[in-house]
Amino acid sequence: MTIWDIIGWLIIGLIAGWLASVVMGRGGYGIVGDIVVGIVGALVGGLIARLLNIGGPSATDPFSWVSLIFAIIGAIILIAIVRALSGGRSRV
């Protein structure tokens, strides 16, 4: 893994986290929070895609539109779970 791989994942995480925050409403979680939500969301989305056997991010092409879409879906699910467990009061 190179520094560019890490930077790429941080950028995808930021975009996915920010878009998920916009979709879910009530603002974002700040730049670091959006990155964390996006990266964890990418893991959740990738896991769901693999469990449903519909693909997901691959090791040969981790930075594709498919990866971003699954990261956004996973981040939305993560935000919904966090809000449900916290009663919607707390931030990630």
PDB file of N, CA and C in Angstrom:
ATOM      1  N   MET A   1       0.857  -1.176   0.000  1.00  0.00           N
ATOM      2  CA  MET A   1       0.000   0.000   0.000  1.00  0.00           C
ATOM      3  C   MET A   1       0.900   1.234   0.000  1.00  0.00           C
ATOM      4  N   THR A   2       0.621   2.113  -0.921  1.00  0.00           N
ATOM      5  CA  THR A   2       1.414   3.330  -1.025  1.00  0.00           C
ATOM      6  C   THR A   2       0.689   4.488  -0.360  1.00  0.00           C
ATOM      7  N   ILE A   3       1.385   5.584  -0.260  1.00  0.00           N
ATOM      8  CA  ILE A   3       0.771   6.795   0.305  1.00  0.00           C
ATOM      9  C   ILE A   3      -0.397   7.257  -0.564  1.00  0.00           C
ATOM     10  N   TRP A   4      -0.305   7.012  -1.887  1.00  0.00           N
ATOM     11  CA  TRP A   4      -1.384   7.423  -2.791  1.00  0.00           C
ATOM     12  C   TRP A   4      -2.631   6.576  -2.578  1.00  0.00           C
ATOM     13  N   ASP A   5      -2.458   5.299  -2.214  1.00  0.00           N
ATOM     14  CA  ASP A   5      -3.609   4.463  -1.879  1.00  0.00           C
ATOM     15  C   ASP A   5      -4.329   5.020  -0.656  1.00  0.00           C
ATOM     16  N   ILE A   6      -3.564   5.387   0.349  1.00  0.00           N
ATOM     17  CA  ILE A   6      -4.137   5.935   1.579  1.00  0.00           C
ATOM     18  C   ILE A   6      -4.849   7.251   1.292  1.00  0.00           C
ATOM     19  N   ILE A   7      -4.213   8.107   0.522  1.00  0.00           N
ATOM     20  CA  ILE A   7      -4.838   9.394   0.161  1.00  0.00           C
ATOM     21  C   ILE A   7      -6.113   9.154  -0.633  1.00  0.00           C
ATOM     22  N   GLY A   8      -6.077   8.183  -1.546  1.00  0.00           N
ATOM     23  CA  GLY A   8      -7.274   7.861  -2.334  1.00  0.00           C
ATOM     24  C   GLY A   8      -8.424   7.400  -1.464  1.00  0.00           C
ATOM     25  N   TRP A   9      -8.141   6.509  -0.484  1.00  0.00           N
ATOM     26  CA  TRP A   9      -9.193   6.038   0.409  1.00  0.00           C
ATOM     27  C   TRP A   9      -9.725   7.160   1.287  1.00  0.00           C
ATOM     28  N   LEU A  10      -8.843   8.071   1.705  1.00  0.00           N
ATOM     29  CA  LEU A  10      -9.305   9.213   2.500  1.00  0.00           C
ATOM     30  C   LEU A  10     -10.223  10.100   1.681  1.00  0.00           C
ATOM     31  N   ILE A  11      -9.890  10.303   0.419  1.00  0.00           N
ATOM     32  CA  ILE A  11     -10.741  11.135  -0.449  1.00  0.00           C
ATOM     33  C   ILE A  11     -12.086  10.457  -0.682  1.00  0.00           C
ATOM     34  N   ILE A  12     -12.079   9.156  -0.993  1.00  0.00           N
ATOM     35  CA  ILE A  12     -13.347   8.428  -1.177  1.00  0.00           C
ATOM     36  C   ILE A  12     -14.150   8.441   0.116  1.00  0.00           C
ATOM     37  N   GLY A  13     -13.475   8.261   1.252  1.00  0.00           N
ATOM     38  CA  GLY A  13     -14.158   8.304   2.543  1.00  0.00           C
ATOM     39  C   GLY A  13     -14.793   9.656   2.805  1.00  0.00           C
ATOM     40  N   LEU A  14     -14.071  10.719   2.496  1.00  0.00           N
ATOM     41  CA  LEU A  14     -14.599  12.069   2.696  1.00  0.00           C
ATOM     42  C   LEU A  14     -15.829  12.301   1.822  1.00  0.00           C
ATOM     43  N   ILE A  15     -15.720  11.954   0.544  1.00  0.00           N
ATOM     44  CA  ILE A  15     -16.845  12.149  -0.379  1.00  0.00           C
ATOM     45  C   ILE A  15     -18.051  11.323   0.057  1.00  0.00           C
ATOM     46  N   ALA A  16     -17.828  10.048   0.367  1.00  0.00           N
ATOM     47  CA  ALA A  16     -18.933   9.163   0.765  1.00  0.00           C
ATOM     48  C   ALA A  16     -19.569   9.634   2.070  1.00  0.00           C
ATOM     49  N   GLY A  17     -18.746   9.996   3.045  1.00  0.00           N
ATOM     50  CA  GLY A  17     -19.269  10.467   4.327  1.00  0.00           C
ATOM     51  C   GLY A  17     -20.051  11.753   4.189  1.00  0.00           C
ATOM     52  N   TRP A  18     -19.534  12.677   3.386  1.00  0.00           N
ATOM     53  CA  TRP A  18     -20.222  13.952   3.190  1.00  0.00           C
ATOM     54  C   TRP A  18     -21.550  13.740   2.472  1.00  0.00           C
ATOM     55  N   LEU A  19     -21.533  12.948   1.386  1.00  0.00           N
ATOM     56  CA  LEU A  19     -22.772  12.696   0.647  1.00  0.00           C
ATOM     57  C   LEU A  19     -23.804  11.970   1.511  1.00  0.00           C
ATOM     58  N   ALA A  20     -23.353  11.017   2.312  1.00  0.00           N
ATOM     59  CA  ALA A  20     -24.276  10.310   3.202  1.00  0.00           C
ATOM     60  C   ALA A  20     -24.870  11.271   4.222  1.00  0.00           C
ATOM     61  N   SER A  21     -24.059  12.192   4.745  1.00  0.00           N
ATOM     62  CA  SER A  21     -24.562  13.183   5.699  1.00  0.00           C
ATOM     63  C   SER A  21     -25.595  14.088   5.048  1.00  0.00           C
ATOM     64  N   VAL A  22     -25.361  14.461   3.798  1.00  0.00           N
ATOM     65  CA  VAL A  22     -26.313  15.308   3.072  1.00  0.00           C
ATOM     66  C   VAL A  22     -27.622  14.539   2.853  1.00  0.00           C
ATOM     67  N   VAL A  23     -27.525  13.292   2.431  1.00  0.00           N
ATOM     68  CA  VAL A  23     -28.718  12.476   2.181  1.00  0.00           C
ATOM     69  C   VAL A  23     -29.508  12.276   3.472  1.00  0.00           C
ATOM     70  N   MET A  24     -28.818  12.025   4.555  1.00  0.00           N
ATOM     71  CA  MET A  24     -29.480  11.738   5.837  1.00  0.00           C
ATOM     72  C   MET A  24     -29.936  13.010   6.548  1.00  0.00           C
ATOM     73  N   GLY A  25     -29.470  14.161   6.116  1.00  0.00           N
ATOM     74  CA  GLY A  25     -29.892  15.419   6.721  1.00  0.00           C
ATOM     75  C   GLY A  25     -29.164  15.741   8.009  1.00  0.00           C
ATOM     76  N   ARG A  26     -29.463  16.882   8.568  1.00  0.00           N
ATOM     77  CA  ARG A  26     -28.898  17.392   9.824  1.00  0.00           C
ATOM     78  C   ARG A  26     -27.395  17.640   9.745  1.00  0.00           C
ATOM     79  N   GLY A  27     -26.878  17.962   8.589  1.00  0.00           N
ATOM     80  CA  GLY A  27     -25.485  18.372   8.468  1.00  0.00           C
ATOM     81  C   GLY A  27     -24.482  17.252   8.572  1.00  0.00           C
ATOM     82  N   GLY A  28     -23.243  17.607   8.327  1.00  0.00           N
ATOM     83  CA  GLY A  28     -22.158  16.647   8.366  1.00  0.00           C
ATOM     84  C   GLY A  28     -21.576  16.505   9.756  1.00  0.00           C
ATOM     85  N   TYR A  29     -20.509  15.747   9.832  1.00  0.00           N
ATOM     86  CA  TYR A  29     -19.845  15.478  11.104  1.00  0.00           C
ATOM     87  C   TYR A  29     -18.469  16.132  11.160  1.00  0.00           C
ATOM     88  N   GLY A  30     -18.228  17.106  10.308  1.00  0.00           N
ATOM     89  CA  GLY A  30     -16.908  17.696  10.218  1.00  0.00           C
ATOM     90  C   GLY A  30     -16.055  16.852   9.292  1.00  0.00           C
ATOM     91  N   ILE A  31     -14.936  17.387   8.866  1.00  0.00           N
ATOM     92  CA  ILE A  31     -14.119  16.698   7.863  1.00  0.00           C
ATOM     93  C   ILE A  31     -13.616  15.346   8.365  1.00  0.00           C
ATOM     94  N   VAL A  32     -13.139  15.278   9.599  1.00  0.00           N
ATOM     95  CA  VAL A  32     -12.628  14.013  10.133  1.00  0.00           C
ATOM     96  C   VAL A  32     -13.776  13.028  10.336  1.00  0.00           C
ATOM     97  N   GLY A  33     -14.882  13.493  10.883  1.00  0.00           N
ATOM     98  CA  GLY A  33     -16.040  12.622  11.090  1.00  0.00           C
ATOM     99  C   GLY A  33     -16.584  12.086   9.777  1.00  0.00           C
ATOM    100  N   ASP A  34     -16.647  12.941   8.741  1.00  0.00           N
ATOM    101  CA  ASP A  34     -17.127  12.497   7.438  1.00  0.00           C
ATOM    102  C   ASP A  34     -16.197  11.438   6.841  1.00  0.00           C
ATOM    103  N   ILE A  35     -14.888  11.616   7.005  1.00  0.00           N
ATOM    104  CA  ILE A  35     -13.940  10.627   6.504  1.00  0.00           C
ATOM    105  C   ILE A  35     -14.132   9.301   7.225  1.00  0.00           C
ATOM    106  N   VAL A  36     -14.258   9.358   8.546  1.00  0.00           N
ATOM    107  CA  VAL A  36     -14.436   8.125   9.325  1.00  0.00           C
ATOM    108  C   VAL A  36     -15.735   7.432   8.930  1.00  0.00           C
ATOM    109  N   VAL A  37     -16.818   8.185   8.850  1.00  0.00           N
ATOM    110  CA  VAL A  37     -18.107   7.600   8.454  1.00  0.00           C
ATOM    111  C   VAL A  37     -18.001   7.018   7.044  1.00  0.00           C
ATOM    112  N   GLY A  38     -17.325   7.715   6.145  1.00  0.00           N
ATOM    113  CA  GLY A  38     -17.181   7.224   4.776  1.00  0.00           C
ATOM    114  C   GLY A  38     -16.355   5.959   4.686  1.00  0.00           C
ATOM    115  N   ILE A  39     -15.239   5.901   5.418  1.00  0.00           N
ATOM    116  CA  ILE A  39     -14.384   4.720   5.373  1.00  0.00           C
ATOM    117  C   ILE A  39     -15.072   3.523   6.017  1.00  0.00           C
ATOM    118  N   VAL A  40     -15.675   3.730   7.181  1.00  0.00           N
ATOM    119  CA  VAL A  40     -16.413   2.635   7.817  1.00  0.00           C
ATOM    120  C   VAL A  40     -17.603   2.248   6.947  1.00  0.00           C
ATOM    121  N   GLY A  41     -18.239   3.247   6.345  1.00  0.00           N
ATOM    122  CA  GLY A  41     -19.344   2.971   5.428  1.00  0.00           C
ATOM    123  C   GLY A  41     -18.905   2.159   4.229  1.00  0.00           C
ATOM    124  N   ALA A  42     -17.694   2.410   3.737  1.00  0.00           N
ATOM    125  CA  ALA A  42     -17.166   1.632   2.619  1.00  0.00           C
ATOM    126  C   ALA A  42     -17.004   0.168   3.021  1.00  0.00           C
ATOM    127  N   LEU A  43     -16.550  -0.052   4.237  1.00  0.00           N
ATOM    128  CA  LEU A  43     -16.420  -1.429   4.734  1.00  0.00           C
ATOM    129  C   LEU A  43     -17.794  -2.087   4.853  1.00  0.00           C
ATOM    130  N   VAL A  44     -18.756  -1.365   5.418  1.00  0.00           N
ATOM    131  CA  VAL A  44     -20.114  -1.898   5.575  1.00  0.00           C
ATOM    132  C   VAL A  44     -20.735  -2.175   4.209  1.00  0.00           C
ATOM    133  N   GLY A  45     -20.618  -1.205   3.299  1.00  0.00           N
ATOM    134  CA  GLY A  45     -21.185  -1.377   1.957  1.00  0.00           C
ATOM    135  C   GLY A  45     -20.539  -2.514   1.194  1.00  0.00           C
ATOM    136  N   GLY A  46     -19.210  -2.635   1.303  1.00  0.00           N
ATOM    137  CA  GLY A  46     -18.517  -3.728   0.643  1.00  0.00           C
ATOM    138  C   GLY A  46     -18.921  -5.078   1.198  1.00  0.00           C
ATOM    139  N   LEU A  47     -19.096  -5.155   2.514  1.00  0.00           N
ATOM    140  CA  LEU A  47     -19.525  -6.399   3.147  1.00  0.00           C
ATOM    141  C   LEU A  47     -20.924  -6.782   2.685  1.00  0.00           C
ATOM    142  N   ILE A  48     -21.818  -5.817   2.640  1.00  0.00           N
ATOM    143  CA  ILE A  48     -23.186  -6.088   2.187  1.00  0.00           C
ATOM    144  C   ILE A  48     -23.185  -6.559   0.737  1.00  0.00           C
ATOM    145  N   ALA A  49     -22.380  -5.902  -0.110  1.00  0.00           N
ATOM    146  CA  ALA A  49     -22.308  -6.292  -1.519  1.00  0.00           C
ATOM    147  C   ALA A  49     -21.799  -7.717  -1.663  1.00  0.00           C
ATOM    148  N   ARG A  50     -20.804  -8.065  -0.884  1.00  0.00           N
ATOM    149  CA  ARG A  50     -20.249  -9.426  -0.955  1.00  0.00           C
ATOM    150  C   ARG A  50     -21.268 -10.456  -0.418  1.00  0.00           C
ATOM    151  N   LEU A  51     -21.977 -10.116   0.670  1.00  0.00           N
ATOM    152  CA  LEU A  51     -22.970 -11.040   1.219  1.00  0.00           C
ATOM    153  C   LEU A  51     -24.121 -11.277   0.242  1.00  0.00           C
ATOM    154  N   LEU A  52     -24.494 -10.240  -0.502  1.00  0.00           N
ATOM    155  CA  LEU A  52     -25.560 -10.354  -1.487  1.00  0.00           C
ATOM    156  C   LEU A  52     -25.055 -10.882  -2.820  1.00  0.00           C
ATOM    157  N   ASN A  53     -23.735 -11.105  -2.894  1.00  0.00           N
ATOM    158  CA  ASN A  53     -23.093 -11.630  -4.099  1.00  0.00           C
ATOM    159  C   ASN A  53     -23.339 -10.746  -5.319  1.00  0.00           C
ATOM    160  N   ILE A  54     -23.279  -9.427  -5.110  1.00  0.00           N
ATOM    161  CA  ILE A  54     -23.455  -8.494  -6.223  1.00  0.00           C
ATOM    162  C   ILE A  54     -22.185  -7.717  -6.514  1.00  0.00           C
ATOM    163  N   GLY A  55     -21.074  -8.235  -6.080  1.00  0.00           N
ATOM    164  CA  GLY A  55     -19.800  -7.595  -6.395  1.00  0.00           C
ATOM    165  C   GLY A  55     -19.335  -6.697  -5.278  1.00  0.00           C
ATOM    166  N   GLY A  56     -18.987  -5.499  -5.641  1.00  0.00           N
ATOM    167  CA  GLY A  56     -18.435  -4.557  -4.680  1.00  0.00           C
ATOM    168  C   GLY A  56     -17.027  -4.193  -5.069  1.00  0.00           C
ATOM    169  N   PRO A  57     -16.348  -3.445  -4.233  1.00  0.00           N
ATOM    170  CA  PRO A  57     -14.988  -3.023  -4.546  1.00  0.00           C
ATOM    171  C   PRO A  57     -14.069  -4.230  -4.692  1.00  0.00           C
ATOM    172  N   SER A  58     -13.186  -4.173  -5.664  1.00  0.00           N
ATOM    173  CA  SER A  58     -12.245  -5.272  -5.852  1.00  0.00           C
ATOM    174  C   SER A  58     -10.839  -4.816  -5.510  1.00  0.00           C
ATOM    175  N   ALA A  59      -9.968  -5.762  -5.278  1.00  0.00           N
ATOM    176  CA  ALA A  59      -8.585  -5.437  -4.943  1.00  0.00           C
ATOM    177  C   ALA A  59      -7.867  -4.817  -6.134  1.00  0.00           C
ATOM    178  N   THR A  60      -8.310  -5.144  -7.352  1.00  0.00           N
ATOM    179  CA  THR A  60      -7.640  -4.608  -8.531  1.00  0.00           C
ATOM    180  C   THR A  60      -8.137  -3.225  -8.907  1.00  0.00           C
ATOM    181  N   ASP A  61      -9.334  -2.851  -8.465  1.00  0.00           N
ATOM    182  CA  ASP A  61      -9.885  -1.534  -8.800  1.00  0.00           C
ATOM    183  C   ASP A  61     -10.670  -0.981  -7.619  1.00  0.00           C
ATOM    184  N   PRO A  62      -9.980  -0.618  -6.523  1.00  0.00           N
ATOM    185  CA  PRO A  62     -10.702  -0.163  -5.338  1.00  0.00           C
ATOM    186  C   PRO A  62     -11.268   1.248  -5.465  1.00  0.00           C
ATOM    187  N   PHE A  63     -10.814   2.022  -6.436  1.00  0.00           N
ATOM    188  CA  PHE A  63     -11.227   3.415  -6.542  1.00  0.00           C
ATOM    189  C   PHE A  63     -12.097   3.636  -7.768  1.00  0.00           C
ATOM    190  N   SER A  64     -13.225   2.964  -7.818  1.00  0.00           N
ATOM    191  CA  SER A  64     -14.143   3.077  -8.942  1.00  0.00           C
ATOM    192  C   SER A  64     -15.446   3.724  -8.472  1.00  0.00           C
ATOM    193  N   TRP A  65     -16.316   3.995  -9.431  1.00  0.00           N
ATOM    194  CA  TRP A  65     -17.636   4.532  -9.090  1.00  0.00           C
ATOM    195  C   TRP A  65     -18.407   3.532  -8.247  1.00  0.00           C
ATOM    196  N   VAL A  66     -18.223   2.250  -8.533  1.00  0.00           N
ATOM    197  CA  VAL A  66     -18.902   1.211  -7.753  1.00  0.00           C
ATOM    198  C   VAL A  66     -18.461   1.291  -6.295  1.00  0.00           C
ATOM    199  N   SER A  67     -17.163   1.462  -6.076  1.00  0.00           N
ATOM    200  CA  SER A  67     -16.647   1.586  -4.709  1.00  0.00           C
ATOM    201  C   SER A  67     -17.270   2.776  -4.004  1.00  0.00           C
ATOM    202  N   LEU A  68     -17.357   3.900  -4.702  1.00  0.00           N
ATOM    203  CA  LEU A  68     -17.931   5.102  -4.106  1.00  0.00           C
ATOM    204  C   LEU A  68     -19.405   4.891  -3.782  1.00  0.00           C
ATOM    205  N   ILE A  69     -20.148   4.258  -4.673  1.00  0.00           N
ATOM    206  CA  ILE A  69     -21.576   4.016  -4.433  1.00  0.00           C
ATOM    207  C   ILE A  69     -21.773   3.107  -3.223  1.00  0.00           C
ATOM    208  N   PHE A  70     -20.984   2.028  -3.141  1.00  0.00           N
ATOM    209  CA  PHE A  70     -21.100   1.142  -1.987  1.00  0.00           C
ATOM    210  C   PHE A  70     -20.667   1.842  -0.705  1.00  0.00           C
ATOM    211  N   ALA A  71     -19.677   2.714  -0.788  1.00  0.00           N
ATOM    212  CA  ALA A  71     -19.246   3.475   0.388  1.00  0.00           C
ATOM    213  C   ALA A  71     -20.360   4.405   0.860  1.00  0.00           C
ATOM    214  N   ILE A  72     -21.039   5.043  -0.066  1.00  0.00           N
ATOM    215  CA  ILE A  72     -22.147   5.944   0.289  1.00  0.00           C
ATOM    216  C   ILE A  72     -23.290   5.157   0.924  1.00  0.00           C
ATOM    217  N   ILE A  73     -23.658   4.029   0.308  1.00  0.00           N
ATOM    218  CA  ILE A  73     -24.727   3.198   0.863  1.00  0.00           C
ATOM    219  C   ILE A  73     -24.366   2.728   2.270  1.00  0.00           C
ATOM    220  N   GLY A  74     -23.143   2.257   2.440  1.00  0.00           N
ATOM    221  CA  GLY A  74     -22.697   1.807   3.759  1.00  0.00           C
ATOM    222  C   GLY A  74     -22.677   2.925   4.778  1.00  0.00           C
ATOM    223  N   ALA A  75     -22.255   4.125   4.356  1.00  0.00           N
ATOM    224  CA  ALA A  75     -22.225   5.270   5.269  1.00  0.00           C
ATOM    225  C   ALA A  75     -23.639   5.683   5.678  1.00  0.00           C
ATOM    226  N   ILE A  76     -24.589   5.620   4.752  1.00  0.00           N
ATOM    227  CA  ILE A  76     -25.984   5.929   5.076  1.00  0.00           C
ATOM    228  C   ILE A  76     -26.515   4.935   6.106  1.00  0.00           C
ATOM    229  N   ILE A  77     -26.219   3.657   5.889  1.00  0.00           N
ATOM    230  CA  ILE A  77     -26.644   2.625   6.850  1.00  0.00           C
ATOM    231  C   ILE A  77     -26.010   2.881   8.212  1.00  0.00           C
ATOM    232  N   LEU A  78     -24.716   3.206   8.224  1.00  0.00           N
ATOM    233  CA  LEU A  78     -24.005   3.480   9.478  1.00  0.00           C
ATOM    234  C   LEU A  78     -24.621   4.674  10.210  1.00  0.00           C
ATOM    235  N   ILE A  79     -24.896   5.760   9.495  1.00  0.00           N
ATOM    236  CA  ILE A  79     -25.511   6.935  10.117  1.00  0.00           C
ATOM    237  C   ILE A  79     -26.881   6.577  10.689  1.00  0.00           C
ATOM    238  N   ALA A  80     -27.672   5.801   9.939  1.00  0.00           N
ATOM    239  CA  ALA A  80     -28.999   5.404  10.422  1.00  0.00           C
ATOM    240  C   ALA A  80     -28.896   4.579  11.696  1.00  0.00           C
ATOM    241  N   ILE A  81     -27.939   3.650  11.748  1.00  0.00           N
ATOM    242  CA  ILE A  81     -27.760   2.825  12.945  1.00  0.00           C
ATOM    243  C   ILE A  81     -27.331   3.667  14.133  1.00  0.00           C
ATOM    244  N   VAL A  82     -26.364   4.561  13.912  1.00  0.00           N
ATOM    245  CA  VAL A  82     -25.884   5.416  15.011  1.00  0.00           C
ATOM    246  C   VAL A  82     -27.011   6.291  15.530  1.00  0.00           C
ATOM    247  N   ARG A  83     -27.797   6.850  14.635  1.00  0.00           N
ATOM    248  CA  ARG A  83     -28.912   7.706  15.068  1.00  0.00           C
ATOM    249  C   ARG A  83     -29.983   6.901  15.791  1.00  0.00           C
ATOM    250  N   ALA A  84     -30.237   5.681  15.334  1.00  0.00           N
ATOM    251  CA  ALA A  84     -31.234   4.849  15.998  1.00  0.00           C
ATOM    252  C   ALA A  84     -30.789   4.470  17.404  1.00  0.00           C
ATOM    253  N   LEU A  85     -29.519   4.130  17.555  1.00  0.00           N
ATOM    254  CA  LEU A  85     -29.002   3.732  18.866  1.00  0.00           C
ATOM    255  C   LEU A  85     -28.880   4.910  19.836  1.00  0.00           C
ATOM    256  N   SER A  86     -28.645   6.112  19.284  1.00  0.00           N
ATOM    257  CA  SER A  86     -28.465   7.280  20.143  1.00  0.00           C
ATOM    258  C   SER A  86     -29.736   8.109  20.255  1.00  0.00           C
ATOM    259  N   GLY A  87     -30.784   7.675  19.619  1.00  0.00           N
ATOM    260  CA  GLY A  87     -32.022   8.449  19.656  1.00  0.00           C
ATOM    261  C   GLY A  87     -31.942   9.689  18.781  1.00  0.00           C
ATOM    262  N   GLY A  88     -30.961   9.727  17.874  1.00  0.00           N
ATOM    263  CA  GLY A  88     -30.819  10.854  16.964  1.00  0.00           C
ATOM    264  C   GLY A  88     -30.189  12.074  17.577  1.00  0.00           C
ATOM    265  N   ARG A  89     -29.724  11.994  18.833  1.00  0.00           N
ATOM    266  CA  ARG A  89     -29.195  13.161  19.516  1.00  0.00           C
ATOM    267  C   ARG A  89     -27.700  13.337  19.351  1.00  0.00           C
ATOM    268  N   SER A  90     -26.984  12.261  19.174  1.00  0.00           N
ATOM    269  CA  SER A  90     -25.533  12.368  19.208  1.00  0.00           C
ATOM    270  C   SER A  90     -24.946  12.351  17.810  1.00  0.00           C
ATOM    271  N   ARG A  91     -23.726  12.835  17.722  1.00  0.00           N
ATOM    272  CA  ARG A  91     -23.015  12.868  16.463  1.00  0.00           C
ATOM    273  C   ARG A  91     -21.915  11.820  16.490  1.00  0.00           C
ATOM    274  N   VAL A  92     -21.559  11.328  15.312  1.00  0.00           N
ATOM    275  CA  VAL A  92     -20.496  10.325  15.200  1.00  0.00           C
ATOM    276  C   VAL A  92     -19.174  10.979  15.485  1.00  0.00           C
TER     277      VAL A  92
END
